[in-house]
Amino acid sequence: MGGGREKDKTGEKAKNEGKTAKQKTSTKIEREKKREDSKSLVEGSHESIIPRIKQYLVEVRAEAGKIVWPDKKITLGTTGVVVVLVMLISFYLGIVDLVLGKLIEFILG
């Protein structure tokens, strides 16, 4: 059973052998940063929820302000395309339904 762990360690060593010292250090730093981030999330959960909700809403408003909305001409054009396509597909499916219904009626009837 312990052999599986040894294989994992040797595989990890093999991965690290090809890395430079700088890459190994940056990987280690990234792992430590992730650990710190997860600790701060746990520690931050003891804060009051009201200030966190307020901060969230402020950030949502700021992000919503960055949205680039299409102008009226583009909106009407794309809406028209959607309406026409829906009508065409509805017509096609209605015909297919009618034909298949008649076929089933002929076979069973």
C-alpha atoms as a PDB file:
ATOM      1  CA  MET A   1       0.000   0.000   0.000  1.00  0.00           C
ATOM      2  CA  GLY A   2       2.831   2.410   0.797  1.00  0.00           C
ATOM      3  CA  GLY A   3       4.316   1.744  -2.667  1.00  0.00           C
ATOM      4  CA  GLY A   4       1.655   3.879  -4.304  1.00  0.00           C
ATOM      5  CA  ARG A   5       2.733   6.878  -2.302  1.00  0.00           C
ATOM      6  CA  GLU A   6       6.343   6.338  -3.240  1.00  0.00           C
ATOM      7  CA  LYS A   7       5.417   6.232  -6.932  1.00  0.00           C
ATOM      8  CA  ASP A   8       3.508   9.514  -6.555  1.00  0.00           C
ATOM      9  CA  LYS A   9       6.519  11.136  -4.929  1.00  0.00           C
ATOM     10  CA  THR A  10       8.907   9.907  -7.587  1.00  0.00           C
ATOM     11  CA  GLY A  11       6.544  11.161 -10.286  1.00  0.00           C
ATOM     12  CA  GLU A  12       6.443  14.533  -8.559  1.00  0.00           C
ATOM     13  CA  LYS A  13      10.229  14.550  -8.338  1.00  0.00           C
ATOM     14  CA  ALA A  14      10.457  13.781 -12.046  1.00  0.00           C
ATOM     15  CA  LYS A  15       8.211  16.735 -12.815  1.00  0.00           C
ATOM     16  CA  ASN A  16      10.334  19.026 -10.673  1.00  0.00           C
ATOM     17  CA  GLU A  17      13.649  17.825 -12.115  1.00  0.00           C
ATOM     18  CA  GLY A  18      13.034  19.556 -15.443  1.00  0.00           C
ATOM     19  CA  LYS A  19      12.173  22.863 -13.787  1.00  0.00           C
ATOM     20  CA  THR A  20      14.589  25.640 -13.103  1.00  0.00           C
ATOM     21  CA  ALA A  21      15.067  26.994  -9.609  1.00  0.00           C
ATOM     22  CA  LYS A  22      13.026  30.060 -10.559  1.00  0.00           C
ATOM     23  CA  GLN A  23      10.096  27.912 -11.727  1.00  0.00           C
ATOM     24  CA  LYS A  24      10.215  25.845  -8.542  1.00  0.00           C
ATOM     25  CA  THR A  25      10.218  29.007  -6.433  1.00  0.00           C
ATOM     26  CA  SER A  26       7.304  30.541  -8.353  1.00  0.00           C
ATOM     27  CA  THR A  27       5.313  27.317  -7.941  1.00  0.00           C
ATOM     28  CA  LYS A  28       6.014  27.331  -4.225  1.00  0.00           C
ATOM     29  CA  ILE A  29       4.995  30.983  -3.970  1.00  0.00           C
ATOM     30  CA  GLU A  30       1.748  30.268  -5.837  1.00  0.00           C
ATOM     31  CA  ARG A  31       0.904  27.440  -3.428  1.00  0.00           C
ATOM     32  CA  GLU A  32       1.569  29.679  -0.424  1.00  0.00           C
ATOM     33  CA  LYS A  33      -0.558  32.442  -1.951  1.00  0.00           C
ATOM     34  CA  LYS A  34      -3.457  30.008  -2.460  1.00  0.00           C
ATOM     35  CA  ARG A  35      -3.145  28.914   1.172  1.00  0.00           C
ATOM     36  CA  GLU A  36      -3.202  32.537   2.362  1.00  0.00           C
ATOM     37  CA  ASP A  37      -6.209  33.298   0.168  1.00  0.00           C
ATOM     38  CA  SER A  38      -8.152  30.366   1.572  1.00  0.00           C
ATOM     39  CA  LYS A  39      -7.249  31.442   5.131  1.00  0.00           C
ATOM     40  CA  SER A  40      -8.416  34.990   4.474  1.00  0.00           C
ATOM     41  CA  LEU A  41     -11.728  33.667   3.132  1.00  0.00           C
ATOM     42  CA  VAL A  42     -12.278  31.685   6.318  1.00  0.00           C
ATOM     43  CA  GLU A  43     -11.196  34.558   8.553  1.00  0.00           C
ATOM     44  CA  GLY A  44     -13.270  37.055   6.521  1.00  0.00           C
ATOM     45  CA  SER A  45     -16.410  35.030   7.056  1.00  0.00           C
ATOM     46  CA  HIS A  46     -16.595  36.310  10.652  1.00  0.00           C
ATOM     47  CA  GLU A  47     -17.252  39.849   9.427  1.00  0.00           C
ATOM     48  CA  SER A  48     -20.748  41.281   9.518  1.00  0.00           C
ATOM     49  CA  ILE A  49     -22.681  40.428   6.394  1.00  0.00           C
ATOM     50  CA  ILE A  50     -24.142  43.937   5.890  1.00  0.00           C
ATOM     51  CA  PRO A  51     -20.846  45.655   4.912  1.00  0.00           C
ATOM     52  CA  ARG A  52     -20.007  42.766   2.587  1.00  0.00           C
ATOM     53  CA  ILE A  53     -23.404  43.065   0.857  1.00  0.00           C
ATOM     54  CA  LYS A  54     -22.929  46.825   0.499  1.00  0.00           C
ATOM     55  CA  GLN A  55     -19.472  46.310  -1.002  1.00  0.00           C
ATOM     56  CA  TYR A  56     -20.871  43.705  -3.393  1.00  0.00           C
ATOM     57  CA  LEU A  57     -23.606  46.066  -4.577  1.00  0.00           C
ATOM     58  CA  VAL A  58     -21.076  48.884  -5.090  1.00  0.00           C
ATOM     59  CA  GLU A  59     -18.937  46.550  -7.211  1.00  0.00           C
ATOM     60  CA  VAL A  60     -21.972  45.348  -9.195  1.00  0.00           C
ATOM     61  CA  ARG A  61     -22.954  48.936  -9.965  1.00  0.00           C
ATOM     62  CA  ALA A  62     -19.389  49.745 -11.073  1.00  0.00           C
ATOM     63  CA  GLU A  63     -19.287  46.697 -13.367  1.00  0.00           C
ATOM     64  CA  ALA A  64     -22.741  47.468 -14.797  1.00  0.00           C
ATOM     65  CA  GLY A  65     -21.461  50.914 -15.707  1.00  0.00           C
ATOM     66  CA  LYS A  66     -18.779  49.307 -17.883  1.00  0.00           C
ATOM     67  CA  ILE A  67     -21.321  47.511 -20.078  1.00  0.00           C
ATOM     68  CA  VAL A  68     -21.532  48.737 -23.658  1.00  0.00           C
ATOM     69  CA  TRP A  69     -25.171  48.493 -24.685  1.00  0.00           C
ATOM     70  CA  PRO A  70     -26.086  48.196 -28.396  1.00  0.00           C
ATOM     71  CA  ASP A  71     -27.900  51.117 -29.980  1.00  0.00           C
ATOM     72  CA  LYS A  72     -31.585  50.990 -30.960  1.00  0.00           C
ATOM     73  CA  LYS A  73     -30.926  50.215 -34.643  1.00  0.00           C
ATOM     74  CA  ILE A  74     -28.848  47.110 -33.884  1.00  0.00           C
ATOM     75  CA  THR A  75     -31.331  45.914 -31.261  1.00  0.00           C
ATOM     76  CA  LEU A  76     -34.281  46.231 -33.647  1.00  0.00           C
ATOM     77  CA  GLY A  77     -32.332  44.514 -36.446  1.00  0.00           C
ATOM     78  CA  THR A  78     -31.354  41.503 -34.362  1.00  0.00           C
ATOM     79  CA  THR A  79     -34.871  41.290 -32.903  1.00  0.00           C
ATOM     80  CA  GLY A  80     -36.284  41.232 -36.439  1.00  0.00           C
ATOM     81  CA  VAL A  81     -33.926  38.422 -37.430  1.00  0.00           C
ATOM     82  CA  VAL A  82     -34.979  36.390 -34.389  1.00  0.00           C
ATOM     83  CA  VAL A  83     -38.697  36.908 -35.073  1.00  0.00           C
ATOM     84  CA  VAL A  84     -38.340  35.893 -38.736  1.00  0.00           C
ATOM     85  CA  LEU A  85     -36.325  32.788 -37.856  1.00  0.00           C
ATOM     86  CA  VAL A  86     -38.848  31.757 -35.190  1.00  0.00           C
ATOM     87  CA  MET A  87     -41.669  32.107 -37.708  1.00  0.00           C
ATOM     88  CA  LEU A  88     -39.806  30.083 -40.355  1.00  0.00           C
ATOM     89  CA  ILE A  89     -38.921  27.300 -37.946  1.00  0.00           C
ATOM     90  CA  SER A  90     -42.493  27.232 -36.587  1.00  0.00           C
ATOM     91  CA  PHE A  91     -43.870  26.938 -40.118  1.00  0.00           C
ATOM     92  CA  TYR A  92     -41.408  24.124 -40.936  1.00  0.00           C
ATOM     93  CA  LEU A  93     -42.182  22.188 -37.765  1.00  0.00           C
ATOM     94  CA  GLY A  94     -45.933  22.642 -38.338  1.00  0.00           C
ATOM     95  CA  ILE A  95     -45.625  21.131 -41.823  1.00  0.00           C
ATOM     96  CA  VAL A  96     -43.482  18.239 -40.535  1.00  0.00           C
ATOM     97  CA  ASP A  97     -46.012  17.601 -37.760  1.00  0.00           C
ATOM     98  CA  LEU A  98     -48.905  17.632 -40.242  1.00  0.00           C
ATOM     99  CA  VAL A  99     -47.156  15.262 -42.660  1.00  0.00           C
ATOM    100  CA  LEU A 100     -46.093  12.831 -39.936  1.00  0.00           C
ATOM    101  CA  GLY A 101     -49.595  12.924 -38.413  1.00  0.00           C
ATOM    102  CA  LYS A 102     -51.163  12.066 -41.790  1.00  0.00           C
ATOM    103  CA  LEU A 103     -48.570   9.303 -42.307  1.00  0.00           C
ATOM    104  CA  ILE A 104     -49.303   7.740 -38.902  1.00  0.00           C
ATOM    105  CA  GLU A 105     -53.051   8.035 -39.545  1.00  0.00           C
ATOM    106  CA  PHE A 106     -52.620   6.310 -42.931  1.00  0.00           C
ATOM    107  CA  ILE A 107     -50.494   3.493 -41.432  1.00  0.00           C
ATOM    108  CA  LEU A 108     -52.695   2.850 -38.406  1.00  0.00           C
ATOM    109  CA  GLY A 109     -56.017   3.898 -39.867  1.00  0.00           C
END
